[in-house]
Structure formats: C-alpha cells, structure tokens
PDB file of N, CA and C in Angstrom:
ATOM      1  N   UNK A   1     -35.525  19.296  -6.510  1.00  0.00           N
ATOM      2  CA  UNK A   1     -34.567  20.062  -5.550  1.00  0.00           C
ATOM      3  C   UNK A   1     -33.326  19.330  -6.457  1.00  0.00           C
ATOM      4  N   UNK A   2     -32.178  20.359  -6.808  1.00  0.00           N
ATOM      5  CA  UNK A   2     -31.580  20.055  -7.549  1.00  0.00           C
ATOM      6  C   UNK A   2     -30.277  19.889  -6.266  1.00  0.00           C
ATOM      7  N   UNK A   3     -29.297  18.611  -6.421  1.00  0.00           N
ATOM      8  CA  UNK A   3     -28.024  18.794  -5.816  1.00  0.00           C
ATOM      9  C   UNK A   3     -26.929  19.722  -5.637  1.00  0.00           C
ATOM     10  N   UNK A   4     -26.146  20.707  -4.982  1.00  0.00           N
ATOM     11  CA  UNK A   4     -24.666  21.404  -5.742  1.00  0.00           C
ATOM     12  C   UNK A   4     -24.177  20.417  -6.622  1.00  0.00           C
ATOM     13  N   UNK A   5     -24.001  21.016  -8.254  1.00  0.00           N
ATOM     14  CA  UNK A   5     -23.264  20.280  -8.892  1.00  0.00           C
ATOM     15  C   UNK A   5     -23.631  19.365  -9.852  1.00  0.00           C
ATOM     16  N   UNK A   6     -24.824  19.070  -9.652  1.00  0.00           N
ATOM     17  CA  UNK A   6     -26.194  18.060 -10.369  1.00  0.00           C
ATOM     18  C   UNK A   6     -26.331  18.911 -11.631  1.00  0.00           C
ATOM     19  N   UNK A   7     -26.292  17.943 -12.706  1.00  0.00           N
ATOM     20  CA  UNK A   7     -27.123  18.267 -14.064  1.00  0.00           C
ATOM     21  C   UNK A   7     -28.338  17.186 -14.011  1.00  0.00           C
ATOM     22  N   UNK A   8     -29.365  18.222 -14.615  1.00  0.00           N
ATOM     23  CA  UNK A   8     -30.896  18.000 -14.643  1.00  0.00           C
ATOM     24  C   UNK A   8     -30.585  17.550 -16.213  1.00  0.00           C
ATOM     25  N   UNK A   9     -31.397  16.051 -16.883  1.00  0.00           N
ATOM     26  CA  UNK A   9     -31.288  15.977 -17.711  1.00  0.00           C
ATOM     27  C   UNK A   9     -32.856  15.424 -17.900  1.00  0.00           C
ATOM     28  N   UNK A  10     -33.205  16.237 -18.700  1.00  0.00           N
ATOM     29  CA  UNK A  10     -34.862  15.287 -19.481  1.00  0.00           C
ATOM     30  C   UNK A  10     -34.529  15.003 -20.966  1.00  0.00           C
ATOM     31  N   UNK A  11     -34.854  13.620 -21.088  1.00  0.00           N
ATOM     32  CA  UNK A  11     -34.850  13.252 -22.582  1.00  0.00           C
ATOM     33  C   UNK A  11     -36.182  13.079 -22.662  1.00  0.00           C
ATOM     34  N   UNK A  12     -36.742  12.872 -24.170  1.00  0.00           N
ATOM     35  CA  UNK A  12     -37.662  13.031 -24.442  1.00  0.00           C
ATOM     36  C   UNK A  12     -37.435  12.086 -25.656  1.00  0.00           C
ATOM     37  N   UNK A  13     -38.325  11.244 -26.017  1.00  0.00           N
ATOM     38  CA  UNK A  13     -38.425  10.504 -27.219  1.00  0.00           C
ATOM     39  C   UNK A  13     -39.817  10.392 -27.883  1.00  0.00           C
ATOM     40  N   UNK A  14     -39.019  10.153 -29.161  1.00  0.00           N
ATOM     41  CA  UNK A  14     -40.555  10.183 -30.154  1.00  0.00           C
ATOM     42  C   UNK A  14     -40.799   8.752 -30.884  1.00  0.00           C
ATOM     43  N   UNK A  15     -42.101   8.516 -30.704  1.00  0.00           N
ATOM     44  CA  UNK A  15     -42.155   6.936 -31.503  1.00  0.00           C
ATOM     45  C   UNK A  15     -42.874   7.102 -32.747  1.00  0.00           C
ATOM     46  N   UNK A  16     -42.388   6.698 -33.979  1.00  0.00           N
ATOM     47  CA  UNK A  16     -43.501   6.720 -35.020  1.00  0.00           C
ATOM     48  C   UNK A  16     -43.890   5.723 -35.694  1.00  0.00           C
ATOM     49  N   UNK A  17     -44.900   5.381 -36.295  1.00  0.00           N
ATOM     50  CA  UNK A  17     -45.382   4.382 -36.758  1.00  0.00           C
ATOM     51  C   UNK A  17     -45.045   4.560 -38.380  1.00  0.00           C
ATOM     52  N   UNK A  18     -45.457   5.689 -38.548  1.00  0.00           N
ATOM     53  CA  UNK A  18     -45.219   6.220 -40.097  1.00  0.00           C
ATOM     54  C   UNK A  18     -43.554   5.816 -40.496  1.00  0.00           C
ATOM     55  N   UNK A  19     -43.554   5.666 -41.779  1.00  0.00           N
ATOM     56  CA  UNK A  19     -41.536   5.290 -42.018  1.00  0.00           C
ATOM     57  C   UNK A  19     -41.370   6.978 -42.631  1.00  0.00           C
ATOM     58  N   UNK A  20     -42.153   8.089 -42.696  1.00  0.00           N
ATOM     59  CA  UNK A  20     -41.619   8.866 -42.771  1.00  0.00           C
ATOM     60  C   UNK A  20     -41.297   9.869 -41.888  1.00  0.00           C
ATOM     61  N   UNK A  21     -41.566   9.129 -40.479  1.00  0.00           N
ATOM     62  CA  UNK A  21     -41.566  10.260 -39.353  1.00  0.00           C
ATOM     63  C   UNK A  21     -40.325   9.357 -38.769  1.00  0.00           C
ATOM     64  N   UNK A  22     -38.904  10.179 -38.637  1.00  0.00           N
ATOM     65  CA  UNK A  22     -38.288   9.454 -38.346  1.00  0.00           C
ATOM     66  C   UNK A  22     -38.127   9.879 -36.698  1.00  0.00           C
ATOM     67  N   UNK A  23     -37.785   9.043 -35.596  1.00  0.00           N
ATOM     68  CA  UNK A  23     -37.298   8.933 -34.228  1.00  0.00           C
ATOM     69  C   UNK A  23     -36.463  10.117 -34.086  1.00  0.00           C
ATOM     70  N   UNK A  24     -36.190  11.088 -33.404  1.00  0.00           N
ATOM     71  CA  UNK A  24     -35.146  12.182 -32.775  1.00  0.00           C
ATOM     72  C   UNK A  24     -34.864  11.882 -31.300  1.00  0.00           C
ATOM     73  N   UNK A  25     -33.838  12.051 -31.246  1.00  0.00           N
ATOM     74  CA  UNK A  25     -33.246  12.184 -29.945  1.00  0.00           C
ATOM     75  C   UNK A  25     -33.414  13.790 -29.376  1.00  0.00           C
ATOM     76  N   UNK A  26     -33.941  14.253 -28.199  1.00  0.00           N
ATOM     77  CA  UNK A  26     -34.294  15.552 -27.848  1.00  0.00           C
ATOM     78  C   UNK A  26     -33.824  15.104 -26.283  1.00  0.00           C
ATOM     79  N   UNK A  27     -33.275  15.973 -25.650  1.00  0.00           N
ATOM     80  CA  UNK A  27     -32.622  16.033 -24.318  1.00  0.00           C
ATOM     81  C   UNK A  27     -32.883  17.635 -23.891  1.00  0.00           C
ATOM     82  N   UNK A  28     -33.412  17.786 -22.566  1.00  0.00           N
ATOM     83  CA  UNK A  28     -33.130  19.237 -22.157  1.00  0.00           C
ATOM     84  C   UNK A  28     -32.060  19.393 -20.562  1.00  0.00           C
ATOM     85  N   UNK A  29     -31.313  20.046 -21.069  1.00  0.00           N
ATOM     86  CA  UNK A  29     -29.667  19.865 -20.277  1.00  0.00           C
ATOM     87  C   UNK A  29     -29.894  20.862 -19.353  1.00  0.00           C
ATOM     88  N   UNK A  30     -30.406  21.058 -18.087  1.00  0.00           N
ATOM     89  CA  UNK A  30     -30.287  22.338 -17.127  1.00  0.00           C
ATOM     90  C   UNK A  30     -28.746  22.366 -16.944  1.00  0.00           C
ATOM     91  N   UNK A  31     -28.070  23.507 -17.336  1.00  0.00           N
ATOM     92  CA  UNK A  31     -26.694  23.946 -17.250  1.00  0.00           C
ATOM     93  C   UNK A  31     -26.507  24.925 -15.860  1.00  0.00           C
ATOM     94  N   UNK A  32     -27.575  25.902 -15.602  1.00  0.00           N
ATOM     95  CA  UNK A  32     -27.978  26.337 -14.475  1.00  0.00           C
ATOM     96  C   UNK A  32     -28.970  26.967 -14.170  1.00  0.00           C
ATOM     97  N   UNK A  33     -29.228  27.029 -12.739  1.00  0.00           N
ATOM     98  CA  UNK A  33     -30.734  27.360 -12.114  1.00  0.00           C
ATOM     99  C   UNK A  33     -30.451  28.599 -11.672  1.00  0.00           C
ATOM    100  N   UNK A  34     -29.203  29.378 -11.411  1.00  0.00           N
ATOM    101  CA  UNK A  34     -29.255  30.217 -10.425  1.00  0.00           C
ATOM    102  C   UNK A  34     -29.798  31.364 -10.612  1.00  0.00           C
ATOM    103  N   UNK A  35     -29.931  31.987  -9.203  1.00  0.00           N
ATOM    104  CA  UNK A  35     -30.672  32.835  -9.240  1.00  0.00           C
ATOM    105  C   UNK A  35     -30.211  35.014  -9.480  1.00  0.00           C
ATOM    106  N   UNK A  36     -30.655  35.730  -9.859  1.00  0.00           N
ATOM    107  CA  UNK A  36     -29.755  37.226  -9.870  1.00  0.00           C
ATOM    108  C   UNK A  36     -28.894  37.445  -8.471  1.00  0.00           C
ATOM    109  N   UNK A  37     -29.115  36.892  -7.120  1.00  0.00           N
ATOM    110  CA  UNK A  37     -28.316  37.214  -6.494  1.00  0.00           C
ATOM    111  C   UNK A  37     -27.347  35.939  -6.629  1.00  0.00           C
ATOM    112  N   UNK A  38     -25.698  36.212  -6.086  1.00  0.00           N
ATOM    113  CA  UNK A  38     -24.559  35.677  -5.805  1.00  0.00           C
ATOM    114  C   UNK A  38     -24.580  34.525  -5.558  1.00  0.00           C
ATOM    115  N   UNK A  39     -24.609  33.256  -5.793  1.00  0.00           N
ATOM    116  CA  UNK A  39     -24.380  31.903  -5.203  1.00  0.00           C
ATOM    117  C   UNK A  39     -23.025  31.317  -5.718  1.00  0.00           C
ATOM    118  N   UNK A  40     -22.031  30.670  -4.859  1.00  0.00           N
ATOM    119  CA  UNK A  40     -21.179  29.932  -5.407  1.00  0.00           C
ATOM    120  C   UNK A  40     -21.552  28.487  -6.026  1.00  0.00           C
ATOM    121  N   UNK A  41     -22.795  28.221  -5.620  1.00  0.00           N
ATOM    122  CA  UNK A  41     -23.233  26.946  -5.800  1.00  0.00           C
ATOM    123  C   UNK A  41     -23.792  26.655  -7.053  1.00  0.00           C
ATOM    124  N   UNK A  42     -24.694  27.888  -7.214  1.00  0.00           N
ATOM    125  CA  UNK A  42     -25.313  27.293  -8.916  1.00  0.00           C
ATOM    126  C   UNK A  42     -24.640  28.569  -9.336  1.00  0.00           C
ATOM    127  N   UNK A  43     -24.970  28.081 -11.109  1.00  0.00           N
ATOM    128  CA  UNK A  43     -24.267  28.959 -12.120  1.00  0.00           C
ATOM    129  C   UNK A  43     -25.590  29.457 -12.533  1.00  0.00           C
ATOM    130  N   UNK A  44     -25.784  30.893 -13.613  1.00  0.00           N
ATOM    131  CA  UNK A  44     -27.233  30.885 -14.028  1.00  0.00           C
ATOM    132  C   UNK A  44     -27.546  30.788 -14.440  1.00  0.00           C
ATOM    133  N   UNK A  45     -28.814  30.893 -15.077  1.00  0.00           N
ATOM    134  CA  UNK A  45     -29.358  30.550 -15.873  1.00  0.00           C
ATOM    135  C   UNK A  45     -29.243  30.099 -17.388  1.00  0.00           C
ATOM    136  N   UNK A  46     -29.327  29.301 -17.591  1.00  0.00           N
ATOM    137  CA  UNK A  46     -28.504  28.492 -18.857  1.00  0.00           C
ATOM    138  C   UNK A  46     -29.549  27.174 -18.945  1.00  0.00           C
ATOM    139  N   UNK A  47     -29.965  26.724 -20.158  1.00  0.00           N
ATOM    140  CA  UNK A  47     -30.748  25.270 -20.435  1.00  0.00           C
ATOM    141  C   UNK A  47     -30.111  25.048 -21.830  1.00  0.00           C
ATOM    142  N   UNK A  48     -29.914  23.923 -22.392  1.00  0.00           N
ATOM    143  CA  UNK A  48     -29.614  23.011 -23.722  1.00  0.00           C
ATOM    144  C   UNK A  48     -30.453  22.377 -24.185  1.00  0.00           C
ATOM    145  N   UNK A  49     -31.099  22.328 -25.071  1.00  0.00           N
ATOM    146  CA  UNK A  49     -31.845  21.971 -25.952  1.00  0.00           C
ATOM    147  C   UNK A  49     -31.159  20.879 -27.083  1.00  0.00           C
ATOM    148  N   UNK A  50     -31.051  20.070 -26.835  1.00  0.00           N
ATOM    149  CA  UNK A  50     -30.030  19.325 -27.779  1.00  0.00           C
ATOM    150  C   UNK A  50     -31.193  18.343 -28.642  1.00  0.00           C
ATOM    151  N   UNK A  51     -31.059  18.676 -30.030  1.00  0.00           N
ATOM    152  CA  UNK A  51     -31.830  17.616 -31.083  1.00  0.00           C
ATOM    153  C   UNK A  51     -30.815  17.080 -31.884  1.00  0.00           C
ATOM    154  N   UNK A  52     -31.185  15.548 -31.715  1.00  0.00           N
ATOM    155  CA  UNK A  52     -29.657  14.785 -32.236  1.00  0.00           C
ATOM    156  C   UNK A  52     -28.597  15.481 -31.720  1.00  0.00           C
ATOM    157  N   UNK A  53     -28.063  15.945 -32.392  1.00  0.00           N
ATOM    158  CA  UNK A  53     -26.225  16.220 -32.010  1.00  0.00           C
ATOM    159  C   UNK A  53     -26.022  17.881 -32.177  1.00  0.00           C
ATOM    160  N   UNK A  54     -27.278  18.600 -32.126  1.00  0.00           N
ATOM    161  CA  UNK A  54     -27.386  19.987 -32.168  1.00  0.00           C
ATOM    162  C   UNK A  54     -27.431  19.990 -30.983  1.00  0.00           C
ATOM    163  N   UNK A  55     -27.027  21.442 -30.692  1.00  0.00           N
ATOM    164  CA  UNK A  55     -27.746  22.139 -29.012  1.00  0.00           C
ATOM    165  C   UNK A  55     -27.941  23.397 -29.196  1.00  0.00           C
ATOM    166  N   UNK A  56     -28.570  23.661 -28.637  1.00  0.00           N
ATOM    167  CA  UNK A  56     -29.460  25.484 -28.678  1.00  0.00           C
ATOM    168  C   UNK A  56     -29.768  25.585 -27.101  1.00  0.00           C
ATOM    169  N   UNK A  57     -28.962  26.947 -26.690  1.00  0.00           N
ATOM    170  CA  UNK A  57     -28.864  27.416 -26.190  1.00  0.00           C
ATOM    171  C   UNK A  57     -30.092  28.243 -25.481  1.00  0.00           C
ATOM    172  N   UNK A  58     -30.554  28.268 -24.344  1.00  0.00           N
ATOM    173  CA  UNK A  58     -31.722  28.895 -24.172  1.00  0.00           C
ATOM    174  C   UNK A  58     -31.056  29.794 -22.676  1.00  0.00           C
ATOM    175  N   UNK A  59     -30.955  31.107 -23.073  1.00  0.00           N
ATOM    176  CA  UNK A  59     -30.184  31.799 -21.843  1.00  0.00           C
ATOM    177  C   UNK A  59     -28.680  31.384 -21.466  1.00  0.00           C
ATOM    178  N   UNK A  60     -27.740  32.674 -20.869  1.00  0.00           N
ATOM    179  CA  UNK A  60     -26.220  32.579 -21.113  1.00  0.00           C
ATOM    180  C   UNK A  60     -25.824  32.954 -20.038  1.00  0.00           C
ATOM    181  N   UNK A  61     -26.515  32.439 -18.727  1.00  0.00           N
ATOM    182  CA  UNK A  61     -26.025  33.061 -17.487  1.00  0.00           C
ATOM    183  C   UNK A  61     -24.498  32.525 -17.284  1.00  0.00           C
ATOM    184  N   UNK A  62     -23.890  33.367 -15.973  1.00  0.00           N
ATOM    185  CA  UNK A  62     -22.475  33.347 -15.824  1.00  0.00           C
ATOM    186  C   UNK A  62     -22.182  31.782 -15.603  1.00  0.00           C
ATOM    187  N   UNK A  63     -21.002  30.978 -15.961  1.00  0.00           N
ATOM    188  CA  UNK A  63     -21.275  29.975 -15.471  1.00  0.00           C
ATOM    189  C   UNK A  63     -21.403  28.655 -16.666  1.00  0.00           C
ATOM    190  N   UNK A  64     -21.945  28.846 -17.772  1.00  0.00           N
ATOM    191  CA  UNK A  64     -22.642  28.133 -18.776  1.00  0.00           C
ATOM    192  C   UNK A  64     -21.433  27.524 -19.941  1.00  0.00           C
ATOM    193  N   UNK A  65     -20.609  28.408 -19.625  1.00  0.00           N
ATOM    194  CA  UNK A  65     -19.436  27.219 -20.416  1.00  0.00           C
ATOM    195  C   UNK A  65     -19.049  26.197 -18.988  1.00  0.00           C
ATOM    196  N   UNK A  66     -18.482  26.335 -18.117  1.00  0.00           N
ATOM    197  CA  UNK A  66     -17.798  25.112 -17.036  1.00  0.00           C
ATOM    198  C   UNK A  66     -18.899  24.450 -17.152  1.00  0.00           C
ATOM    199  N   UNK A  67     -20.602  24.825 -17.005  1.00  0.00           N
ATOM    200  CA  UNK A  67     -21.441  23.497 -16.630  1.00  0.00           C
ATOM    201  C   UNK A  67     -21.613  22.632 -18.241  1.00  0.00           C
ATOM    202  N   UNK A  68     -21.515  23.595 -19.295  1.00  0.00           N
ATOM    203  CA  UNK A  68     -21.455  23.004 -20.552  1.00  0.00           C
ATOM    204  C   UNK A  68     -20.157  21.966 -20.622  1.00  0.00           C
ATOM    205  N   UNK A  69     -19.328  22.339 -20.141  1.00  0.00           N
ATOM    206  CA  UNK A  69     -17.756  21.070 -20.111  1.00  0.00           C
ATOM    207  C   UNK A  69     -18.234  19.879 -19.305  1.00  0.00           C
ATOM    208  N   UNK A  70     -18.852  20.571 -18.081  1.00  0.00           N
ATOM    209  CA  UNK A  70     -19.037  19.342 -17.151  1.00  0.00           C
ATOM    210  C   UNK A  70     -20.077  18.357 -17.537  1.00  0.00           C
ATOM    211  N   UNK A  71     -20.833  18.834 -18.318  1.00  0.00           N
ATOM    212  CA  UNK A  71     -22.034  17.647 -18.932  1.00  0.00           C
ATOM    213  C   UNK A  71     -21.190  17.297 -19.956  1.00  0.00           C
ATOM    214  N   UNK A  72     -20.294  17.633 -20.886  1.00  0.00           N
ATOM    215  CA  UNK A  72     -20.048  17.006 -22.087  1.00  0.00           C
ATOM    216  C   UNK A  72     -19.018  15.775 -21.020  1.00  0.00           C
ATOM    217  N   UNK A  73     -18.492  16.290 -20.019  1.00  0.00           N
ATOM    218  CA  UNK A  73     -17.541  15.111 -19.378  1.00  0.00           C
ATOM    219  C   UNK A  73     -18.811  13.975 -18.719  1.00  0.00           C
ATOM    220  N   UNK A  74     -19.699  13.983 -18.663  1.00  0.00           N
ATOM    221  CA  UNK A  74     -20.810  13.246 -18.582  1.00  0.00           C
ATOM    222  C   UNK A  74     -21.053  12.718 -19.609  1.00  0.00           C
ATOM    223  N   UNK A  75     -20.766  12.642 -20.474  1.00  0.00           N
ATOM    224  CA  UNK A  75     -21.006  12.007 -22.097  1.00  0.00           C
ATOM    225  C   UNK A  75     -21.956  12.415 -22.671  1.00  0.00           C
ATOM    226  N   UNK A  76     -22.082  14.173 -22.590  1.00  0.00           N
ATOM    227  CA  UNK A  76     -23.266  15.004 -23.015  1.00  0.00           C
ATOM    228  C   UNK A  76     -22.642  15.401 -24.472  1.00  0.00           C
ATOM    229  N   UNK A  77     -22.019  14.801 -25.320  1.00  0.00           N
ATOM    230  CA  UNK A  77     -20.504  15.293 -26.135  1.00  0.00           C
ATOM    231  C   UNK A  77     -21.347  16.892 -26.905  1.00  0.00           C
ATOM    232  N   UNK A  78     -22.816  16.850 -27.406  1.00  0.00           N
ATOM    233  CA  UNK A  78     -23.470  17.816 -27.729  1.00  0.00           C
ATOM    234  C   UNK A  78     -23.218  19.415 -27.482  1.00  0.00           C
ATOM    235  N   UNK A  79     -22.727  19.384 -25.914  1.00  0.00           N
ATOM    236  CA  UNK A  79     -22.963  20.967 -25.236  1.00  0.00           C
ATOM    237  C   UNK A  79     -21.611  20.718 -24.977  1.00  0.00           C
ATOM    238  N   UNK A  80     -20.347  20.299 -25.868  1.00  0.00           N
ATOM    239  CA  UNK A  80     -19.027  20.588 -25.206  1.00  0.00           C
ATOM    240  C   UNK A  80     -18.742  22.388 -26.637  1.00  0.00           C
ATOM    241  N   UNK A  81     -18.187  22.981 -25.092  1.00  0.00           N
ATOM    242  CA  UNK A  81     -18.527  24.329 -25.176  1.00  0.00           C
ATOM    243  C   UNK A  81     -17.624  24.838 -26.881  1.00  0.00           C
ATOM    244  N   UNK A  82     -17.048  23.853 -27.773  1.00  0.00           N
ATOM    245  CA  UNK A  82     -16.810  24.155 -29.072  1.00  0.00           C
ATOM    246  C   UNK A  82     -18.054  23.981 -29.827  1.00  0.00           C
ATOM    247  N   UNK A  83     -19.374  22.825 -29.274  1.00  0.00           N
ATOM    248  CA  UNK A  83     -20.207  22.569 -30.480  1.00  0.00           C
ATOM    249  C   UNK A  83     -20.912  24.107 -29.966  1.00  0.00           C
ATOM    250  N   UNK A  84     -20.995  24.484 -29.152  1.00  0.00           N
ATOM    251  CA  UNK A  84     -21.775  25.942 -28.332  1.00  0.00           C
ATOM    252  C   UNK A  84     -22.012  26.820 -29.686  1.00  0.00           C
ATOM    253  N   UNK A  85     -23.253  26.680 -30.416  1.00  0.00           N
ATOM    254  CA  UNK A  85     -23.292  27.886 -32.029  1.00  0.00           C
ATOM    255  C   UNK A  85     -24.485  28.501 -31.480  1.00  0.00           C
ATOM    256  N   UNK A  86     -25.276  28.240 -31.404  1.00  0.00           N
ATOM    257  CA  UNK A  86     -26.809  29.080 -31.104  1.00  0.00           C
ATOM    258  C   UNK A  86     -26.878  28.972 -29.653  1.00  0.00           C
ATOM    259  N   UNK A  87     -27.676  30.415 -29.802  1.00  0.00           N
ATOM    260  CA  UNK A  87     -28.128  30.791 -28.303  1.00  0.00           C
ATOM    261  C   UNK A  87     -29.093  31.914 -28.668  1.00  0.00           C
ATOM    262  N   UNK A  88     -30.264  31.908 -27.310  1.00  0.00           N
ATOM    263  CA  UNK A  88     -31.374  32.051 -27.770  1.00  0.00           C
ATOM    264  C   UNK A  88     -31.213  32.832 -26.385  1.00  0.00           C
ATOM    265  N   UNK A  89     -31.684  34.282 -26.256  1.00  0.00           N
ATOM    266  CA  UNK A  89     -31.706  34.864 -24.643  1.00  0.00           C
ATOM    267  C   UNK A  89     -33.379  35.543 -24.574  1.00  0.00           C
ATOM    268  N   UNK A  90     -33.664  35.069 -23.392  1.00  0.00           N
ATOM    269  CA  UNK A  90     -34.804  35.536 -22.869  1.00  0.00           C
ATOM    270  C   UNK A  90     -35.404  36.669 -22.729  1.00  0.00           C
ATOM    271  N   UNK A  91     -34.085  37.551 -22.094  1.00  0.00           N
ATOM    272  CA  UNK A  91     -34.365  38.889 -21.926  1.00  0.00           C
ATOM    273  C   UNK A  91     -32.943  39.114 -21.129  1.00  0.00           C
ATOM    274  N   UNK A  92     -32.749  40.706 -21.147  1.00  0.00           N
ATOM    275  CA  UNK A  92     -31.306  41.176 -21.292  1.00  0.00           C
ATOM    276  C   UNK A  92     -30.594  41.370 -20.016  1.00  0.00           C
ATOM    277  N   UNK A  93     -31.372  40.783 -18.814  1.00  0.00           N
ATOM    278  CA  UNK A  93     -30.617  41.249 -17.613  1.00  0.00           C
ATOM    279  C   UNK A  93     -29.292  40.376 -17.469  1.00  0.00           C
ATOM    280  N   UNK A  94     -28.644  40.916 -16.628  1.00  0.00           N
ATOM    281  CA  UNK A  94     -27.426  40.484 -16.835  1.00  0.00           C
ATOM    282  C   UNK A  94     -27.158  38.849 -16.214  1.00  0.00           C
ATOM    283  N   UNK A  95     -27.985  38.584 -15.390  1.00  0.00           N
ATOM    284  CA  UNK A  95     -27.999  36.886 -15.242  1.00  0.00           C
ATOM    285  C   UNK A  95     -28.096  35.921 -15.699  1.00  0.00           C
ATOM    286  N   UNK A  96     -28.783  36.415 -16.886  1.00  0.00           N
ATOM    287  CA  UNK A  96     -29.008  35.778 -18.201  1.00  0.00           C
ATOM    288  C   UNK A  96     -28.521  36.342 -19.285  1.00  0.00           C
ATOM    289  N   UNK A  97     -27.310  36.826 -19.152  1.00  0.00           N
ATOM    290  CA  UNK A  97     -26.675  37.134 -20.617  1.00  0.00           C
ATOM    291  C   UNK A  97     -24.736  37.223 -20.125  1.00  0.00           C
ATOM    292  N   UNK A  98     -24.590  37.505 -19.071  1.00  0.00           N
ATOM    293  CA  UNK A  98     -22.811  37.539 -18.716  1.00  0.00           C
ATOM    294  C   UNK A  98     -22.165  36.222 -19.098  1.00  0.00           C
ATOM    295  N   UNK A  99     -22.676  35.331 -19.659  1.00  0.00           N
ATOM    296  CA  UNK A  99     -21.694  34.100 -19.768  1.00  0.00           C
ATOM    297  C   UNK A  99     -21.449  34.318 -21.508  1.00  0.00           C
ATOM    298  N   UNK A 100     -22.116  34.966 -22.142  1.00  0.00           N
ATOM    299  CA  UNK A 100     -21.827  35.572 -23.629  1.00  0.00           C
ATOM    300  C   UNK A 100     -20.129  35.927 -23.822  1.00  0.00           C
ATOM    301  N   UNK A 101     -19.010  35.158 -23.525  1.00  0.00           N
ATOM    302  CA  UNK A 101     -18.040  36.192 -24.018  1.00  0.00           C
ATOM    303  C   UNK A 101     -17.904  37.026 -25.371  1.00  0.00           C
ATOM    304  N   UNK A 102     -17.556  38.338 -25.255  1.00  0.00           N
ATOM    305  CA  UNK A 102     -17.420  39.221 -26.170  1.00  0.00           C
ATOM    306  C   UNK A 102     -16.119  39.552 -26.780  1.00  0.00           C
TER     307      UNK A 102
END
C-alpha cells in the first residue's frame, strides 16, 4: 500500500562478469497509481522507467508532471519535467492520457 504523496521506486541492478557487459542503472518510478474515479490524493496512471539517465514514461495520467517534479526534488533528476521526452500509452482511456499537454 502506498502512502499519500509517496513515490515508489524499484531499483534493478545488473551484474556482469564479462567486460563487454556494462552494468546499467535501471529504476522503475511509480508516478501515479490512480483509478478512473476522481481522487484528490492520487495521480493518474504513470510509470517512469529510467535507464541510466533516460526516462521513458508508460502512460501519462493526470498529475504526471507534478509527480515527476516531486520525484526530481527527491534526487531522481532523470524525471525532471524538462527531461521527459518519450512516452508510451498503453491504451487511450482518458485516465491514461490527460497528463499529455497539447
């Protein structure tokens, strides 16, 4: 269970014994886990997958930019709003897309 305003971060590390295999820093940051029902304490669905310093958004629900800024304030600089350049949308329901500025 997530606390109000909490960010969940999952770090995935790789270990290689071969010199050709470079270790990468991969993190999964849950920026929003809300539902279609309006809830002022939860942002809409949005997940950032950060590989090294590149962030990839999966879904862009309402509040994603605020949540990305909050994560950046906690030293996750890859998700600073100005760094968000790539997004994937799982489906076109509004709770998964309205965080996309037109």
